[in-house]
Protein backbone atom coordinates (compact mmCIF):
# COMPACT_ATOMS: atom_id res chain seq x y z
CA MET A 1 27.28 1.39 20.68
CA GLN A 2 23.79 2.52 20.50
CA ILE A 3 24.98 6.29 20.62
CA ASN A 4 26.47 5.66 17.32
CA ILE A 5 23.60 3.95 15.90
CA PHE A 6 21.38 7.19 16.76
CA ILE A 7 24.20 9.60 15.01
CA THR A 8 24.38 7.23 11.93
CA PHE A 9 20.62 7.52 11.47
CA VAL A 10 20.39 11.24 11.99
CA ILE A 11 23.63 11.91 9.70
CA SER A 12 22.09 9.54 7.10
CA LEU A 13 18.75 11.06 7.22
CA LEU A 14 19.99 14.68 6.89
CA LEU A 15 22.60 13.82 4.39
CA GLY A 16 20.10 12.09 2.09
CA LEU A 17 17.29 15.10 2.34
CA GLY A 18 20.41 17.49 1.23
CA LEU A 19 22.07 15.38 -1.37
CA ASN A 20 18.39 14.96 -2.93
CA ASN A 21 17.54 18.33 -2.61
CA PHE A 22 20.90 19.07 -4.25
CA PHE A 23 20.44 16.70 -7.10
CA ILE A 24 17.21 18.22 -7.95
CA LYS A 25 18.14 21.48 -8.43
CA ARG A 26 21.24 20.64 -9.98
CA PRO A 27 20.71 17.44 -11.87
CA LEU A 28 23.38 15.35 -13.06
CA LYS A 29 22.58 15.37 -17.00
CA PHE A 30 23.11 12.17 -17.89
CA LEU A 31 20.80 10.59 -15.30
CA VAL A 32 17.55 13.05 -16.11
CA LYS A 33 16.17 10.48 -18.25
CA LYS A 34 16.50 6.63 -18.87
CA ALA A 35 18.30 5.42 -22.06
CA ASN A 36 15.66 2.94 -22.72
CA ILE A 37 12.88 5.12 -23.57
CA SER A 38 10.85 2.67 -25.60
CA ALA A 39 10.14 0.57 -22.58
CA ILE A 40 6.41 0.75 -21.32
CA ARG A 41 6.08 2.79 -17.98
CA PHE A 42 3.54 3.58 -15.84
CA SER A 43 4.21 7.24 -15.86
CA THR A 44 6.45 9.60 -17.65
CA GLN A 45 9.94 9.29 -17.35
CA SER A 46 10.59 13.26 -17.02
CA LYS A 47 11.81 13.15 -13.85
CA PRO A 48 15.47 12.66 -12.26
CA ILE A 49 16.36 8.87 -11.79
CA PHE A 50 19.48 9.33 -9.70
CA GLY A 51 17.68 8.25 -6.11
CA GLY A 52 20.22 5.33 -6.43
CA VAL A 53 23.17 7.93 -6.07
CA GLY A 54 22.02 9.18 -2.77
CA PHE A 55 21.66 5.60 -1.42
CA TYR A 56 25.27 4.53 -2.80
CA VAL A 57 26.76 7.99 -1.46
CA ILE A 58 25.30 7.13 2.07
CA PHE A 59 26.53 3.66 2.11
CA ILE A 60 30.10 4.65 1.28
CA ILE A 61 30.33 7.08 3.98
CA VAL A 62 28.97 4.62 6.39
CA VAL A 63 31.09 2.06 5.29
CA ILE A 64 34.34 4.52 5.48
CA ALA A 65 32.99 5.60 9.11
CA ALA A 66 32.84 1.94 10.16
CA LEU A 67 36.71 1.73 9.85
CA PHE A 68 36.85 4.25 12.36
CA ILE A 69 34.14 3.24 14.91
CA LEU A 70 35.13 -0.47 14.61
CA GLN A 71 38.69 0.26 14.11
CA ASN A 72 41.03 -2.57 13.09
CA GLU A 73 38.83 -5.40 13.74
CA ILE A 74 36.77 -4.79 10.86
CA TYR A 75 39.65 -5.39 8.40
CA GLN A 76 39.58 -8.97 9.16
CA THR A 77 35.80 -9.58 8.44
CA SER A 78 34.84 -10.93 4.99
CA GLU A 79 31.50 -9.75 5.86
CA TYR A 80 32.56 -6.23 5.18
CA ILE A 81 34.70 -6.81 1.98
CA SER A 82 31.76 -8.82 0.37
CA VAL A 83 28.98 -6.17 1.39
CA ILE A 84 31.17 -3.46 -0.21
CA LEU A 85 31.94 -5.51 -3.29
CA VAL A 86 28.10 -6.70 -4.03
CA VAL A 87 26.60 -3.21 -2.96
CA THR A 88 29.24 -1.50 -5.52
CA LEU A 89 28.73 -4.19 -8.56
CA SER A 90 24.89 -3.97 -7.98
CA PHE A 91 24.49 -0.06 -8.05
CA ILE A 92 27.41 0.54 -10.98
CA MET A 93 25.38 -2.39 -13.45
CA GLY A 94 22.14 -0.40 -12.33
CA LEU A 95 23.44 2.88 -13.21
CA ALA A 96 25.03 1.41 -16.70
CA ASP A 97 21.27 0.08 -17.40
CA ASP A 98 20.17 3.90 -16.77
CA VAL A 99 22.40 5.35 -19.00
CA ILE A 100 23.42 2.78 -22.00
CA SER A 101 20.53 0.29 -21.22
CA THR A 102 22.46 -2.80 -20.82
CA SER A 103 21.07 -6.17 -21.85
CA PRO A 104 19.56 -8.36 -19.39
CA SER A 105 22.00 -11.35 -19.78
CA PHE A 106 24.61 -8.54 -18.62
CA LYS A 107 22.27 -8.02 -16.15
CA PHE A 108 22.15 -11.55 -14.74
CA ILE A 109 25.90 -12.22 -14.80
CA VAL A 110 26.18 -9.54 -12.83
CA GLN A 111 23.60 -10.78 -10.10
CA PHE A 112 24.99 -14.24 -10.74
CA LEU A 113 28.57 -12.86 -9.42
CA CYS A 114 26.91 -11.07 -6.37
CA ALA A 115 25.23 -14.01 -5.36
CA PHE A 116 28.55 -15.96 -5.75
CA ILE A 117 30.82 -13.05 -3.96
CA PHE A 118 28.06 -14.03 -0.68
CA ILE A 119 28.58 -17.51 -0.48
CA PHE A 120 32.59 -17.21 -0.99
CA ASN A 121 32.49 -15.10 2.14
CA GLY A 122 30.38 -17.22 3.88
CA ILE A 123 26.91 -15.29 3.34
CA TYR A 124 24.29 -17.94 2.40
CA ILE A 125 21.13 -19.26 3.30
CA GLN A 126 21.32 -22.29 5.43
CA ILE A 127 18.02 -24.39 5.20
CA SER A 128 19.63 -27.78 4.13
CA PRO A 129 22.50 -30.35 5.87
CA TYR A 130 23.43 -30.28 1.96
CA GLU A 131 25.67 -27.12 1.56
CA TRP A 132 25.21 -27.43 -2.54
CA TYR A 133 21.56 -26.91 -1.90
CA ASN A 134 21.86 -24.11 0.59
CA TYR A 135 24.18 -22.69 -2.41
CA VAL A 136 21.44 -22.88 -5.12
CA ILE A 137 18.92 -21.56 -2.94
CA THR A 138 21.01 -18.76 -2.14
CA VAL A 139 22.01 -17.90 -5.87
CA LEU A 140 18.01 -18.16 -6.66
CA TRP A 141 17.41 -15.68 -3.88
CA VAL A 142 19.55 -13.11 -4.53
CA VAL A 143 19.10 -13.19 -8.28
CA GLY A 144 15.38 -13.31 -7.43
CA ILE A 145 14.99 -10.23 -5.10
CA MET A 146 17.16 -8.11 -7.12
CA ASN A 147 14.70 -8.78 -10.06
CA SER A 148 11.97 -8.50 -7.67
CA ILE A 149 12.75 -4.71 -6.51
CA ASN A 150 13.54 -3.74 -9.95
CA MET A 151 10.20 -4.83 -11.34
CA LEU A 152 8.60 -3.43 -8.17
CA ASP A 153 9.82 -0.15 -8.68
CA ASN A 154 6.81 1.10 -11.02
CA MET A 155 4.81 3.57 -9.11
CA ASP A 156 5.97 6.44 -6.54
CA ALA A 157 7.28 5.34 -3.21
CA VAL A 158 6.04 1.83 -3.23
CA THR A 159 9.41 -0.14 -3.77
CA ALA A 160 11.18 2.46 -1.40
CA LEU A 161 8.14 2.14 1.28
CA THR A 162 8.33 -1.66 0.84
CA SER A 163 12.07 -1.83 1.62
CA PHE A 164 11.49 0.22 4.27
CA SER A 165 9.18 -1.81 6.02
CA ILE A 166 11.82 -5.06 5.65
CA ILE A 167 15.26 -3.01 6.32
CA GLY A 168 13.37 -0.71 9.21
CA GLY A 169 12.26 -3.79 10.84
CA ALA A 170 15.27 -5.37 11.04
CA ALA A 171 17.09 -2.53 12.34
CA LEU A 172 14.71 -1.80 14.90
CA PHE A 173 14.29 -5.17 16.15
CA THR A 174 18.40 -5.38 16.33
CA ILE A 175 18.49 -2.40 18.34
CA PHE A 176 15.85 -3.21 20.89
CA PHE A 177 16.07 -7.40 21.19
CA ASN A 178 20.52 -6.96 20.98
CA THR A 179 20.62 -10.25 18.15
CA GLU A 180 23.83 -11.51 17.36
CA MET A 181 23.90 -9.21 14.19
CA SER A 182 27.36 -7.62 13.67
CA ILE A 183 27.65 -4.01 14.64
CA PHE A 184 28.76 -3.33 10.77
CA MET A 185 25.45 -4.83 9.38
CA SER A 186 23.40 -2.73 12.01
CA LEU A 187 25.04 0.55 10.81
CA ILE A 188 24.16 -0.64 7.24
CA LEU A 189 20.67 -1.06 8.24
CA VAL A 190 20.11 2.34 10.08
CA SER A 191 21.86 4.21 7.38
CA THR A 192 19.83 2.82 4.87
CA SER A 193 16.30 3.07 6.47
CA ALA A 194 17.23 6.51 6.88
CA ALA A 195 18.45 6.92 3.22
CA LEU A 196 14.93 5.47 2.44
CA ILE A 197 12.86 8.33 4.81
CA SER A 198 14.82 11.02 2.79
CA PHE A 199 14.26 9.68 -0.70
CA ILE A 200 10.12 9.03 0.15
CA PHE A 201 10.17 12.72 1.00
CA TYR A 202 10.89 13.56 -2.67
CA ASN A 203 9.34 10.05 -4.14
CA TRP A 204 5.87 10.56 -2.77
CA HIS A 205 2.96 11.06 -5.19
CA PRO A 206 3.48 13.63 -6.91
CA SER A 207 7.11 12.59 -6.84
CA LYS A 208 10.13 15.05 -7.41
CA MET A 209 12.65 12.30 -8.55
CA TYR A 210 12.91 8.49 -9.08
CA MET A 211 15.35 5.78 -7.72
CA GLY A 212 16.15 4.55 -11.59
CA ASP A 213 17.72 1.15 -11.59
CA ASN A 214 20.96 2.59 -10.12
CA GLY A 215 18.85 2.68 -6.98
CA SER A 216 16.56 -0.57 -7.23
CA GLN A 217 19.45 -2.45 -7.88
CA PHE A 218 21.35 -1.11 -4.97
CA LEU A 219 18.17 -2.03 -2.46
CA GLY A 220 18.01 -5.52 -4.42
CA ALA A 221 21.62 -6.27 -3.03
CA ILE A 222 20.74 -4.69 0.53
CA LEU A 223 17.58 -6.36 0.77
CA ALA A 224 19.04 -9.92 -0.50
CA LEU A 225 21.68 -9.64 2.06
CA VAL A 226 19.28 -8.17 4.97
CA GLY A 227 17.06 -11.34 4.06
CA ILE A 228 20.12 -14.08 4.44
CA VAL A 229 21.55 -12.62 7.39
CA PHE A 230 18.54 -11.55 9.42
CA TYR A 231 14.97 -13.32 7.84
CA TRP A 232 16.39 -16.71 6.75
CA ASN A 233 19.28 -17.30 8.99
CA ALA A 234 17.31 -15.84 12.00
CA VAL A 235 15.78 -19.62 12.89
CA PRO A 236 19.00 -21.74 14.34
CA ILE A 237 18.65 -24.80 12.51
CA GLU A 238 18.40 -28.06 14.77
CA ASP A 239 18.98 -31.36 12.52
CA PHE A 240 17.45 -29.45 9.80
CA GLN A 241 13.93 -30.78 11.27
CA TYR A 242 10.87 -29.88 8.71
CA GLY A 243 9.43 -27.45 11.41
CA TYR A 244 12.16 -25.48 11.18
CA ASN A 245 12.71 -25.04 7.09
CA LEU A 246 9.08 -24.20 7.28
CA LYS A 247 9.40 -21.58 9.56
CA GLN A 248 12.18 -20.09 7.77
CA ILE A 249 10.19 -19.86 4.87
CA ILE A 250 7.26 -18.43 6.43
CA ILE A 251 9.29 -15.66 7.93
CA VAL A 252 10.70 -14.85 4.44
CA ALA A 253 7.35 -15.19 2.90
CA SER A 254 5.68 -12.78 5.23
CA ALA A 255 8.67 -10.13 5.61
CA PHE A 256 9.11 -9.93 1.89
CA VAL A 257 5.39 -10.63 0.97
CA VAL A 258 4.47 -7.61 -1.39
CA PRO A 259 7.86 -8.07 -3.73
CA LEU A 260 7.24 -11.97 -3.67
CA CYS A 261 3.56 -11.64 -4.64
CA ASP A 262 4.13 -9.15 -7.18
CA THR A 263 6.90 -10.72 -9.19
CA THR A 264 5.10 -14.17 -8.93
CA THR A 265 1.47 -12.79 -10.20
CA VAL A 266 3.31 -10.62 -13.08
CA THR A 267 5.18 -13.87 -13.89
CA ILE A 268 1.97 -16.28 -14.01
CA ASN A 269 -0.18 -13.87 -16.06
CA ARG A 270 2.68 -13.07 -18.64
CA LEU A 271 3.69 -16.54 -19.10
CA LEU A 272 -0.34 -17.50 -19.48
CA ARG A 273 -0.45 -14.59 -22.08
CA LYS A 274 2.87 -16.16 -23.72
CA GLN A 275 4.62 -13.07 -23.09
CA SER A 276 8.49 -12.59 -20.99
CA PRO A 277 8.24 -12.27 -17.75
CA PHE A 278 11.11 -9.38 -17.68
CA VAL A 279 9.37 -7.06 -20.17
CA GLY A 280 8.01 -3.94 -18.99
CA GLY A 281 4.27 -3.46 -18.28
CA ARG A 282 1.31 -1.93 -16.85
CA ASP A 283 0.27 -5.17 -15.47
CA HIS A 284 1.86 -5.32 -11.69
CA THR A 285 -0.16 -5.70 -8.57
CA THR A 286 0.22 -1.97 -8.18
CA HIS A 287 -1.46 -1.07 -11.24
CA HIS A 288 -4.46 -3.15 -10.64
CA LEU A 289 -4.85 -1.78 -7.04
CA PHE A 290 -5.10 1.73 -9.19
CA TYR A 291 -7.18 0.42 -11.78
CA LEU A 292 -9.37 -1.02 -8.95
CA GLY A 293 -9.88 2.71 -7.64
CA LEU A 294 -6.93 3.40 -5.17
CA SER A 295 -5.03 6.85 -6.09
CA VAL A 296 -1.46 6.63 -6.28
CA ARG A 297 -0.73 7.45 -2.77
CA GLY A 298 -2.89 5.12 -1.65
CA VAL A 299 -1.69 1.81 -3.53
CA GLY A 300 1.76 3.06 -1.84
CA ILE A 301 -0.10 3.33 1.39
CA VAL A 302 -1.72 -0.26 1.08
CA LEU A 303 0.92 -1.78 -0.08
CA PHE A 304 3.03 -0.38 3.11
CA THR A 305 0.47 -1.74 5.35
CA ILE A 306 0.51 -5.63 3.91
CA ASN A 307 4.33 -5.71 3.77
CA ALA A 308 4.48 -4.10 7.59
CA VAL A 309 2.13 -6.49 8.92
CA GLY A 310 4.04 -9.30 7.03
CA VAL A 311 7.12 -8.19 8.64
CA ALA A 312 5.76 -7.94 12.16
CA LEU A 313 4.54 -11.23 11.95
CA ALA A 314 7.96 -12.48 10.79
CA LEU A 315 9.81 -10.60 13.23
CA TYR A 316 7.06 -12.10 16.09
CA LEU A 317 8.02 -15.50 14.67
CA ILE A 318 11.85 -14.64 15.01
CA ASN A 319 11.67 -13.44 18.66
CA VAL A 320 9.66 -16.44 19.72
CA GLY A 321 12.27 -18.71 18.62
CA GLY A 322 11.44 -22.15 19.54
CA ARG A 323 8.81 -21.34 22.14
CA LEU A 324 6.17 -21.68 19.48
CA ASN A 325 4.45 -24.70 18.85
CA TYR A 326 5.09 -25.84 14.95
CA SER A 327 1.31 -26.80 14.82
CA TYR A 328 0.78 -23.08 14.91
CA LEU A 329 2.88 -22.27 11.88
CA TRP A 330 0.30 -23.00 9.39
CA TYR A 331 -1.92 -20.24 11.25
CA PHE A 332 1.31 -17.56 10.10
CA ALA A 333 1.44 -19.27 6.91
CA ALA A 334 -1.97 -18.18 5.74
CA TYR A 335 -1.08 -14.42 5.70
CA PRO A 336 1.38 -14.64 2.83
CA ILE A 337 -0.85 -16.76 1.00
CA ILE A 338 -4.15 -14.35 1.50
CA VAL A 339 -2.28 -11.93 0.49
CA PHE A 340 -0.98 -13.41 -2.93
CA LEU A 341 -4.72 -14.68 -3.55
CA LEU A 342 -5.98 -11.49 -2.88
CA LEU A 343 -3.57 -9.54 -5.26
CA TYR A 344 -3.77 -12.23 -7.95
CA ILE A 345 -7.53 -12.26 -8.12
CA ASN A 346 -7.50 -8.42 -8.43
CA THR A 347 -5.15 -8.91 -11.58
CA LYS A 348 -8.01 -10.94 -12.91
CA ILE A 349 -11.05 -8.86 -12.17
CA THR A 350 -10.03 -5.52 -12.56
CA LYS A 351 -9.04 -3.81 -16.72
CA GLN A 352 -6.00 -1.55 -17.56
CA LYS A 353 -6.84 1.94 -17.98
């Protein structure tokens, strides 16, 4: 099966590079500029915003190829259908927002629908003996991470690099440590990682293209899924003990440290200013690192490194399983806490340029 994984990665990478190059030279006219031109942004929106189109094309090709690789057995899995529905809905919702600037309520409805599709097909966070509680946490996670990734998409390469660290880390762990991950999910992880690499090639500052909401919502759906099946549910819950729940939270907080810290910081600061957290602005952790003196490329490298370290810690916790003394968990919890404090404090001491 590893040969199929390798072939999927290479084909997805080459296809992504080819598609992005094609789109840049022959741009889709309706995706050259966002419909919402009044929103506050860090830089001009004069560049193509169809990065998500490449993501989705590669996704569909892999989904179709999976039918031939896995043959009839894949038709019987609810995972297959739910992933297709959720990713497609998310991509179309983001595409609609790019083209006609949809309302926030429309986005929330689609995001809630995505969460319900996951739950209906048995894909949900298992952290409590009470199923209703697990469902609520899953809905909050799916809606939250989809919005978080959309909010983080405010500077060249930051969202793509952060997403790559999370998805790529899960892909490598799955390949080399033979986890219980399904073959279909492994193909999705590997192909999305390759698609992100091909996009970063054109999105690295100074970027030639953006991913747009069609790309950020696509990634939000994929990351919500990966978060549930790989990071949240990586810990086998035994009698739902406190230590196991804490381990789950630390794993997720570490692996998603950058998007979670950015969203939390922006939300707190805007609420303190009595502003809506959902309105665009130049007050993200990314922007304040730039105000601190880092270059745009420097911001991308710093945040990628921070999140990659978090992913490494999360993978270590997953790998050691129950062998780790739970009294040491608080040492691991220190990392996301310290990162949040440093990024938050920086938003208070640096001024907008």
